[in-house]
């Protein structure tokens, strides 16, 4: 079994500091960094809600599936 590659912040569609809008909910978020899920080493984004300031983690593939759009400052 091959070991999955570790996430590299340059590999993601979104970069630290990017601001996003969730298309369905309209919520606004800021990317903190690209990390790895410990159990699977799957790349995942750590991001912050700009409304509640809660932090969230979402798999990279799910985050980049078109549900979020990059917004300008």
C-alpha atoms as a PDB file:
ATOM      1  CA  UNK A   1       0.000   0.000   0.000  1.00  0.00           C
ATOM      2  CA  UNK A   2       1.385   3.394  -0.988  1.00  0.00           C
ATOM      3  CA  UNK A   3       1.471   6.194   1.534  1.00  0.00           C
ATOM      4  CA  UNK A   4      -0.590   9.222   0.395  1.00  0.00           C
ATOM      5  CA  UNK A   5       1.327  12.423  -0.302  1.00  0.00           C
ATOM      6  CA  UNK A   6       1.217  15.084   2.376  1.00  0.00           C
ATOM      7  CA  UNK A   7      -0.685  18.270   1.576  1.00  0.00           C
ATOM      8  CA  UNK A   8       1.320  21.166   0.222  1.00  0.00           C
ATOM      9  CA  UNK A   9      -0.242  24.614   0.611  1.00  0.00           C
ATOM     10  CA  UNK A  10       0.727  25.390  -2.994  1.00  0.00           C
ATOM     11  CA  UNK A  11      -1.292  22.396  -4.260  1.00  0.00           C
ATOM     12  CA  UNK A  12      -4.691  23.762  -3.320  1.00  0.00           C
ATOM     13  CA  UNK A  13      -7.004  25.803  -5.505  1.00  0.00           C
ATOM     14  CA  UNK A  14      -7.451  28.202  -2.566  1.00  0.00           C
ATOM     15  CA  UNK A  15      -4.543  29.862  -0.755  1.00  0.00           C
ATOM     16  CA  UNK A  16      -4.190  31.029   2.862  1.00  0.00           C
ATOM     17  CA  UNK A  17      -5.959  34.368   3.292  1.00  0.00           C
ATOM     18  CA  UNK A  18      -8.349  33.829   0.354  1.00  0.00           C
ATOM     19  CA  UNK A  19     -11.943  34.771   1.114  1.00  0.00           C
ATOM     20  CA  UNK A  20     -14.740  32.564  -0.175  1.00  0.00           C
ATOM     21  CA  UNK A  21     -18.513  32.597  -0.385  1.00  0.00           C
ATOM     22  CA  UNK A  22     -20.467  29.364   0.001  1.00  0.00           C
ATOM     23  CA  UNK A  23     -22.815  29.447  -2.978  1.00  0.00           C
ATOM     24  CA  UNK A  24     -25.759  27.644  -1.328  1.00  0.00           C
ATOM     25  CA  UNK A  25     -25.721  29.294   2.129  1.00  0.00           C
ATOM     26  CA  UNK A  26     -24.182  32.646   1.180  1.00  0.00           C
ATOM     27  CA  UNK A  27     -21.783  32.421   4.134  1.00  0.00           C
ATOM     28  CA  UNK A  28     -18.336  34.002   3.962  1.00  0.00           C
ATOM     29  CA  UNK A  29     -15.136  32.205   4.955  1.00  0.00           C
ATOM     30  CA  UNK A  30     -11.385  32.735   5.052  1.00  0.00           C
ATOM     31  CA  UNK A  31      -8.865  30.006   4.217  1.00  0.00           C
ATOM     32  CA  UNK A  32      -6.356  29.478   7.036  1.00  0.00           C
ATOM     33  CA  UNK A  33      -4.220  26.708   5.495  1.00  0.00           C
ATOM     34  CA  UNK A  34      -4.194  23.324   3.795  1.00  0.00           C
ATOM     35  CA  UNK A  35      -3.550  20.478   6.255  1.00  0.00           C
ATOM     36  CA  UNK A  36      -3.781  16.669   6.429  1.00  0.00           C
ATOM     37  CA  UNK A  37      -6.387  14.505   8.156  1.00  0.00           C
ATOM     38  CA  UNK A  38      -4.356  12.434  10.607  1.00  0.00           C
ATOM     39  CA  UNK A  39      -6.045   9.074  10.022  1.00  0.00           C
ATOM     40  CA  UNK A  40      -5.989   9.161   6.226  1.00  0.00           C
ATOM     41  CA  UNK A  41      -3.479  11.910   5.361  1.00  0.00           C
ATOM     42  CA  UNK A  42      -6.168  13.264   3.033  1.00  0.00           C
ATOM     43  CA  UNK A  43      -5.569  16.961   2.263  1.00  0.00           C
ATOM     44  CA  UNK A  44      -8.121  19.225   3.933  1.00  0.00           C
ATOM     45  CA  UNK A  45      -8.667  22.953   4.252  1.00  0.00           C
ATOM     46  CA  UNK A  46      -8.863  24.667   7.622  1.00  0.00           C
ATOM     47  CA  UNK A  47     -11.067  27.718   7.257  1.00  0.00           C
ATOM     48  CA  UNK A  48     -12.802  30.313   9.424  1.00  0.00           C
ATOM     49  CA  UNK A  49     -16.361  31.596   9.277  1.00  0.00           C
ATOM     50  CA  UNK A  50     -16.246  35.364   8.914  1.00  0.00           C
ATOM     51  CA  UNK A  51     -19.633  35.614  10.651  1.00  0.00           C
ATOM     52  CA  UNK A  52     -19.207  33.406  13.732  1.00  0.00           C
ATOM     53  CA  UNK A  53     -15.384  33.059  13.751  1.00  0.00           C
ATOM     54  CA  UNK A  54     -15.770  29.294  14.163  1.00  0.00           C
ATOM     55  CA  UNK A  55     -13.087  27.153  12.523  1.00  0.00           C
ATOM     56  CA  UNK A  56     -13.935  24.321  10.164  1.00  0.00           C
ATOM     57  CA  UNK A  57     -12.115  21.524   8.338  1.00  0.00           C
ATOM     58  CA  UNK A  58     -13.280  20.227   4.958  1.00  0.00           C
ATOM     59  CA  UNK A  59     -11.584  17.722   2.622  1.00  0.00           C
ATOM     60  CA  UNK A  60      -9.780  19.423  -0.269  1.00  0.00           C
ATOM     61  CA  UNK A  61     -11.777  17.594  -2.952  1.00  0.00           C
ATOM     62  CA  UNK A  62     -15.068  18.575  -1.323  1.00  0.00           C
ATOM     63  CA  UNK A  63     -13.962  22.180  -0.829  1.00  0.00           C
ATOM     64  CA  UNK A  64     -12.958  22.470  -4.489  1.00  0.00           C
ATOM     65  CA  UNK A  65     -16.136  20.862  -5.927  1.00  0.00           C
ATOM     66  CA  UNK A  66     -17.703  24.180  -6.959  1.00  0.00           C
ATOM     67  CA  UNK A  67     -19.693  24.935  -3.791  1.00  0.00           C
ATOM     68  CA  UNK A  68     -17.363  27.832  -2.892  1.00  0.00           C
ATOM     69  CA  UNK A  69     -16.439  30.835  -4.989  1.00  0.00           C
ATOM     70  CA  UNK A  70     -13.416  33.045  -4.506  1.00  0.00           C
ATOM     71  CA  UNK A  71     -14.370  36.621  -3.710  1.00  0.00           C
ATOM     72  CA  UNK A  72     -12.263  39.733  -4.089  1.00  0.00           C
ATOM     73  CA  UNK A  73     -11.389  41.951  -1.174  1.00  0.00           C
END
